[in-house]
């Protein structure tokens, strides 16, 4: 059986090999807190529309001419979406995501 000192040493060696990125993630969220709530709402609306239409991420990606990996990131709600991407989502899913802006 290992002593307490050996166990602590073991933990130090292994925890430094794969450092946690919680601090970087928290800083990123703080720096982007203005647009993240909107991105998450769009992600939820997208996921609901996909579910209603029985679409997979791959099928949506094909409709939008992008990669399934991009759709995966979009559905996490942490992707800063351009107006072009939002329009592609609306067209691919036949749903209104953004309200019309009146002049």
N, C-alpha and C. Protein backbone atom coordinates (compact mmCIF):
# COMPACT_ATOMS: atom_id res chain seq x y z
N UNK A 1 0.85 -1.18 0.00
CA UNK A 1 0.00 0.00 0.00
C UNK A 1 0.89 1.24 0.00
N UNK A 2 0.48 2.23 -0.81
CA UNK A 2 1.26 3.46 -0.92
C UNK A 2 1.01 4.35 0.28
N UNK A 3 2.06 5.07 0.64
CA UNK A 3 1.91 6.04 1.72
C UNK A 3 1.15 7.25 1.20
N UNK A 4 0.72 8.10 2.09
CA UNK A 4 0.00 9.32 1.71
C UNK A 4 0.88 10.20 0.83
N UNK A 5 2.17 10.29 1.17
CA UNK A 5 3.08 11.11 0.38
C UNK A 5 3.23 10.57 -1.04
N UNK A 6 3.29 9.24 -1.19
CA UNK A 6 3.39 8.63 -2.51
C UNK A 6 2.11 8.88 -3.33
N UNK A 7 0.98 8.81 -2.66
CA UNK A 7 -0.28 9.06 -3.35
C UNK A 7 -0.38 10.51 -3.83
N UNK A 8 0.03 11.43 -2.97
CA UNK A 8 0.01 12.85 -3.34
C UNK A 8 0.97 13.11 -4.50
N UNK A 9 2.14 12.52 -4.44
CA UNK A 9 3.11 12.66 -5.51
C UNK A 9 2.56 12.11 -6.82
N UNK A 10 1.91 10.96 -6.76
CA UNK A 10 1.30 10.35 -7.94
C UNK A 10 0.24 11.28 -8.54
N UNK A 11 -0.61 11.84 -7.69
CA UNK A 11 -1.65 12.74 -8.17
C UNK A 11 -1.07 14.00 -8.80
N UNK A 12 -0.02 14.53 -8.20
CA UNK A 12 0.61 15.73 -8.76
C UNK A 12 1.17 15.45 -10.15
N UNK A 13 1.83 14.31 -10.30
CA UNK A 13 2.43 13.95 -11.59
C UNK A 13 1.36 13.80 -12.66
N UNK A 14 0.26 13.16 -12.33
CA UNK A 14 -0.77 12.89 -13.32
C UNK A 14 -1.69 14.08 -13.56
N UNK A 15 -1.90 14.89 -12.58
CA UNK A 15 -2.76 16.05 -12.80
C UNK A 15 -2.05 17.11 -13.63
N UNK A 16 -0.75 17.21 -13.54
CA UNK A 16 -0.02 18.19 -14.35
C UNK A 16 0.15 17.71 -15.78
N UNK A 17 0.02 16.40 -16.02
CA UNK A 17 0.14 15.88 -17.37
C UNK A 17 -1.06 16.28 -18.22
N UNK A 18 -2.22 16.36 -17.61
CA UNK A 18 -3.43 16.77 -18.32
C UNK A 18 -4.11 17.89 -17.54
N UNK A 19 -3.57 19.11 -17.67
CA UNK A 19 -4.13 20.21 -16.90
C UNK A 19 -5.58 20.52 -17.30
N UNK A 20 -6.34 20.92 -16.33
CA UNK A 20 -7.73 21.29 -16.56
C UNK A 20 -7.78 22.62 -17.30
N UNK A 21 -8.78 22.75 -18.17
CA UNK A 21 -8.93 23.99 -18.92
C UNK A 21 -10.10 24.80 -18.41
N UNK A 22 -10.52 24.56 -17.17
CA UNK A 22 -11.69 25.25 -16.64
C UNK A 22 -11.49 26.76 -16.61
N UNK A 23 -10.27 27.18 -16.28
CA UNK A 23 -10.02 28.62 -16.17
C UNK A 23 -10.11 29.30 -17.54
N UNK A 24 -9.52 28.67 -18.56
CA UNK A 24 -9.59 29.22 -19.90
C UNK A 24 -11.03 29.27 -20.41
N UNK A 25 -11.79 28.21 -20.11
CA UNK A 25 -13.19 28.18 -20.54
C UNK A 25 -14.00 29.26 -19.83
N UNK A 26 -13.76 29.44 -18.54
CA UNK A 26 -14.47 30.47 -17.78
C UNK A 26 -14.13 31.86 -18.32
N UNK A 27 -12.87 32.09 -18.63
CA UNK A 27 -12.46 33.39 -19.18
C UNK A 27 -13.09 33.62 -20.55
N UNK A 28 -13.15 32.55 -21.37
CA UNK A 28 -13.77 32.66 -22.69
C UNK A 28 -15.25 33.02 -22.55
N UNK A 29 -15.96 32.34 -21.64
CA UNK A 29 -17.38 32.63 -21.43
C UNK A 29 -17.58 34.07 -20.97
N UNK A 30 -16.72 34.54 -20.09
CA UNK A 30 -16.83 35.92 -19.60
C UNK A 30 -16.59 36.91 -20.73
N UNK A 31 -15.61 36.64 -21.58
CA UNK A 31 -15.29 37.54 -22.68
C UNK A 31 -16.38 37.56 -23.75
N UNK A 32 -17.17 36.49 -23.83
CA UNK A 32 -18.18 36.37 -24.89
C UNK A 32 -19.61 36.35 -24.35
N UNK A 33 -19.79 36.82 -23.14
CA UNK A 33 -21.09 36.71 -22.48
C UNK A 33 -22.19 37.52 -23.15
N UNK A 34 -21.82 38.48 -24.00
CA UNK A 34 -22.83 39.30 -24.65
C UNK A 34 -23.63 38.52 -25.70
N UNK A 35 -22.97 37.64 -26.46
CA UNK A 35 -23.66 36.94 -27.55
C UNK A 35 -23.98 35.48 -27.24
N UNK A 36 -23.38 34.88 -26.25
CA UNK A 36 -23.63 33.46 -25.96
C UNK A 36 -25.11 33.16 -25.68
N UNK A 37 -25.85 33.98 -24.93
CA UNK A 37 -27.27 33.65 -24.72
C UNK A 37 -28.06 33.54 -26.03
N UNK A 38 -27.75 34.40 -27.00
CA UNK A 38 -28.43 34.35 -28.29
C UNK A 38 -28.07 33.07 -29.04
N UNK A 39 -26.79 32.73 -29.00
CA UNK A 39 -26.34 31.52 -29.67
C UNK A 39 -27.00 30.28 -29.08
N UNK A 40 -27.16 30.26 -27.78
CA UNK A 40 -27.80 29.12 -27.13
C UNK A 40 -29.27 29.02 -27.49
N UNK A 41 -29.96 30.17 -27.59
CA UNK A 41 -31.37 30.16 -28.00
C UNK A 41 -31.51 29.63 -29.42
N UNK A 42 -30.61 30.05 -30.30
CA UNK A 42 -30.63 29.56 -31.67
C UNK A 42 -30.34 28.06 -31.70
N UNK A 43 -29.42 27.61 -30.87
CA UNK A 43 -29.10 26.18 -30.81
C UNK A 43 -30.33 25.37 -30.38
N UNK A 44 -31.06 25.88 -29.40
CA UNK A 44 -32.26 25.17 -28.92
C UNK A 44 -33.32 25.13 -30.02
N UNK A 45 -33.55 26.27 -30.66
CA UNK A 45 -34.55 26.31 -31.73
C UNK A 45 -34.15 25.38 -32.88
N UNK A 46 -32.87 25.35 -33.20
CA UNK A 46 -32.37 24.46 -34.25
C UNK A 46 -32.58 23.01 -33.88
N UNK A 47 -32.22 22.65 -32.66
CA UNK A 47 -32.37 21.26 -32.21
C UNK A 47 -33.84 20.83 -32.22
N UNK A 48 -34.72 21.73 -31.80
CA UNK A 48 -36.15 21.42 -31.79
C UNK A 48 -36.67 21.21 -33.22
N UNK A 49 -36.27 22.08 -34.13
CA UNK A 49 -36.70 21.94 -35.53
C UNK A 49 -36.14 20.66 -36.15
N UNK A 50 -34.89 20.34 -35.83
CA UNK A 50 -34.30 19.10 -36.34
C UNK A 50 -35.07 17.90 -35.83
N UNK A 51 -35.43 17.93 -34.55
CA UNK A 51 -36.17 16.83 -33.95
C UNK A 51 -37.55 16.69 -34.60
N UNK A 52 -38.24 17.80 -34.78
CA UNK A 52 -39.57 17.78 -35.41
C UNK A 52 -39.52 17.23 -36.83
N UNK A 53 -38.44 17.53 -37.55
CA UNK A 53 -38.31 17.12 -38.94
C UNK A 53 -37.57 15.79 -39.09
N UNK A 54 -37.09 15.25 -37.98
CA UNK A 54 -36.36 13.98 -38.02
C UNK A 54 -35.03 14.08 -38.74
N UNK A 55 -34.38 15.24 -38.62
CA UNK A 55 -33.10 15.47 -39.30
C UNK A 55 -31.93 15.12 -38.40
N UNK A 56 -30.91 14.55 -39.00
CA UNK A 56 -29.65 14.31 -38.29
C UNK A 56 -28.73 15.51 -38.51
N UNK A 57 -27.67 15.57 -37.74
CA UNK A 57 -26.69 16.65 -37.92
C UNK A 57 -26.09 16.57 -39.32
N UNK A 58 -25.84 15.37 -39.80
CA UNK A 58 -25.26 15.19 -41.13
C UNK A 58 -26.21 15.72 -42.20
N UNK A 59 -27.50 15.42 -42.08
CA UNK A 59 -28.47 15.89 -43.06
C UNK A 59 -28.57 17.42 -43.06
N UNK A 60 -28.58 18.02 -41.88
CA UNK A 60 -28.62 19.48 -41.80
C UNK A 60 -27.36 20.07 -42.41
N UNK A 61 -26.23 19.47 -42.14
CA UNK A 61 -24.96 19.95 -42.70
C UNK A 61 -25.00 19.91 -44.23
N UNK A 62 -25.57 18.85 -44.77
CA UNK A 62 -25.68 18.75 -46.23
C UNK A 62 -26.57 19.85 -46.78
N UNK A 63 -27.68 20.13 -46.11
CA UNK A 63 -28.58 21.20 -46.56
C UNK A 63 -27.92 22.57 -46.50
N UNK A 64 -27.04 22.75 -45.51
CA UNK A 64 -26.40 24.05 -45.32
C UNK A 64 -25.05 24.15 -46.02
N UNK A 65 -24.61 23.06 -46.61
CA UNK A 65 -23.30 23.01 -47.29
C UNK A 65 -22.16 23.34 -46.33
N UNK A 66 -22.19 22.67 -45.19
CA UNK A 66 -21.12 22.82 -44.21
C UNK A 66 -20.82 21.44 -43.62
N UNK A 67 -19.92 21.37 -42.69
CA UNK A 67 -19.53 20.08 -42.11
C UNK A 67 -20.42 19.70 -40.93
N UNK A 68 -20.58 18.40 -40.70
CA UNK A 68 -21.31 17.96 -39.51
C UNK A 68 -20.65 18.45 -38.22
N UNK A 69 -19.34 18.63 -38.24
CA UNK A 69 -18.63 19.12 -37.07
C UNK A 69 -19.06 20.54 -36.74
N UNK A 70 -19.30 21.34 -37.78
CA UNK A 70 -19.76 22.71 -37.55
C UNK A 70 -21.16 22.69 -36.93
N UNK A 71 -22.03 21.82 -37.41
CA UNK A 71 -23.37 21.70 -36.85
C UNK A 71 -23.28 21.28 -35.38
N UNK A 72 -22.37 20.39 -35.08
CA UNK A 72 -22.17 19.95 -33.69
C UNK A 72 -21.79 21.12 -32.81
N UNK A 73 -20.86 21.95 -33.27
CA UNK A 73 -20.45 23.13 -32.50
C UNK A 73 -21.61 24.12 -32.36
N UNK A 74 -22.37 24.29 -33.44
CA UNK A 74 -23.52 25.19 -33.42
C UNK A 74 -24.54 24.74 -32.38
N UNK A 75 -24.77 23.43 -32.29
CA UNK A 75 -25.76 22.89 -31.35
C UNK A 75 -25.31 22.95 -29.90
N UNK A 76 -24.05 23.22 -29.67
CA UNK A 76 -23.56 23.40 -28.30
C UNK A 76 -23.89 24.80 -27.78
N UNK A 77 -24.26 25.69 -28.70
CA UNK A 77 -24.65 27.04 -28.30
C UNK A 77 -23.50 27.95 -27.96
N UNK A 78 -22.32 27.63 -28.45
CA UNK A 78 -21.16 28.48 -28.16
C UNK A 78 -20.45 28.89 -29.44
N UNK A 79 -21.21 28.93 -30.52
CA UNK A 79 -20.66 29.33 -31.82
C UNK A 79 -21.18 30.72 -32.15
N UNK A 80 -20.27 31.63 -32.47
CA UNK A 80 -20.65 32.99 -32.83
C UNK A 80 -21.13 32.97 -34.27
N UNK A 81 -22.45 32.97 -34.45
CA UNK A 81 -23.05 32.78 -35.77
C UNK A 81 -23.12 34.08 -36.56
N UNK A 82 -22.80 33.98 -37.84
CA UNK A 82 -22.94 35.14 -38.71
C UNK A 82 -24.39 35.22 -39.19
N UNK A 83 -24.76 36.36 -39.74
CA UNK A 83 -26.10 36.51 -40.31
C UNK A 83 -26.28 35.53 -41.46
N UNK A 84 -25.23 35.30 -42.21
CA UNK A 84 -25.30 34.34 -43.32
C UNK A 84 -25.64 32.95 -42.81
N UNK A 85 -25.00 32.53 -41.72
CA UNK A 85 -25.27 31.20 -41.16
C UNK A 85 -26.69 31.11 -40.63
N UNK A 86 -27.16 32.17 -39.99
CA UNK A 86 -28.54 32.17 -39.47
C UNK A 86 -29.53 32.05 -40.63
N UNK A 87 -29.28 32.75 -41.73
CA UNK A 87 -30.14 32.64 -42.91
C UNK A 87 -30.11 31.23 -43.48
N UNK A 88 -28.93 30.62 -43.52
CA UNK A 88 -28.82 29.25 -44.01
C UNK A 88 -29.61 28.29 -43.12
N UNK A 89 -29.54 28.52 -41.81
CA UNK A 89 -30.32 27.70 -40.87
C UNK A 89 -31.81 27.84 -41.15
N UNK A 90 -32.26 29.08 -41.28
CA UNK A 90 -33.68 29.33 -41.54
C UNK A 90 -34.13 28.64 -42.82
N UNK A 91 -33.33 28.75 -43.87
CA UNK A 91 -33.69 28.14 -45.15
C UNK A 91 -33.64 26.61 -45.09
N UNK A 92 -32.63 26.07 -44.43
CA UNK A 92 -32.48 24.62 -44.36
C UNK A 92 -33.57 23.97 -43.54
N UNK A 93 -34.03 24.68 -42.50
CA UNK A 93 -35.04 24.12 -41.59
C UNK A 93 -36.45 24.65 -41.87
N UNK A 94 -36.53 25.67 -42.73
CA UNK A 94 -37.80 26.31 -43.03
C UNK A 94 -38.48 26.82 -41.75
N UNK A 95 -37.68 27.50 -40.93
CA UNK A 95 -38.18 28.10 -39.69
C UNK A 95 -37.67 29.53 -39.60
N UNK A 96 -38.36 30.35 -38.83
CA UNK A 96 -37.91 31.72 -38.61
C UNK A 96 -37.14 31.76 -37.31
N UNK A 97 -35.90 32.17 -37.38
CA UNK A 97 -35.06 32.26 -36.19
C UNK A 97 -34.96 33.72 -35.75
N UNK A 98 -34.71 34.58 -36.71
CA UNK A 98 -34.60 36.01 -36.42
C UNK A 98 -35.90 36.68 -36.83
N UNK A 99 -36.32 37.63 -36.06
CA UNK A 99 -37.50 38.40 -36.47
C UNK A 99 -37.08 39.40 -37.52
N UNK A 100 -37.98 39.68 -38.40
CA UNK A 100 -37.68 40.64 -39.48
C UNK A 100 -37.39 42.02 -38.90
N UNK A 101 -36.37 42.63 -39.44
CA UNK A 101 -35.99 43.97 -39.01
C UNK A 101 -36.67 44.96 -39.96
N UNK A 102 -37.45 45.86 -39.40
CA UNK A 102 -38.16 46.84 -40.22
C UNK A 102 -37.36 48.13 -40.29
N UNK A 103 -37.36 48.71 -41.46
CA UNK A 103 -36.63 49.97 -41.64
C UNK A 103 -37.36 51.13 -41.03
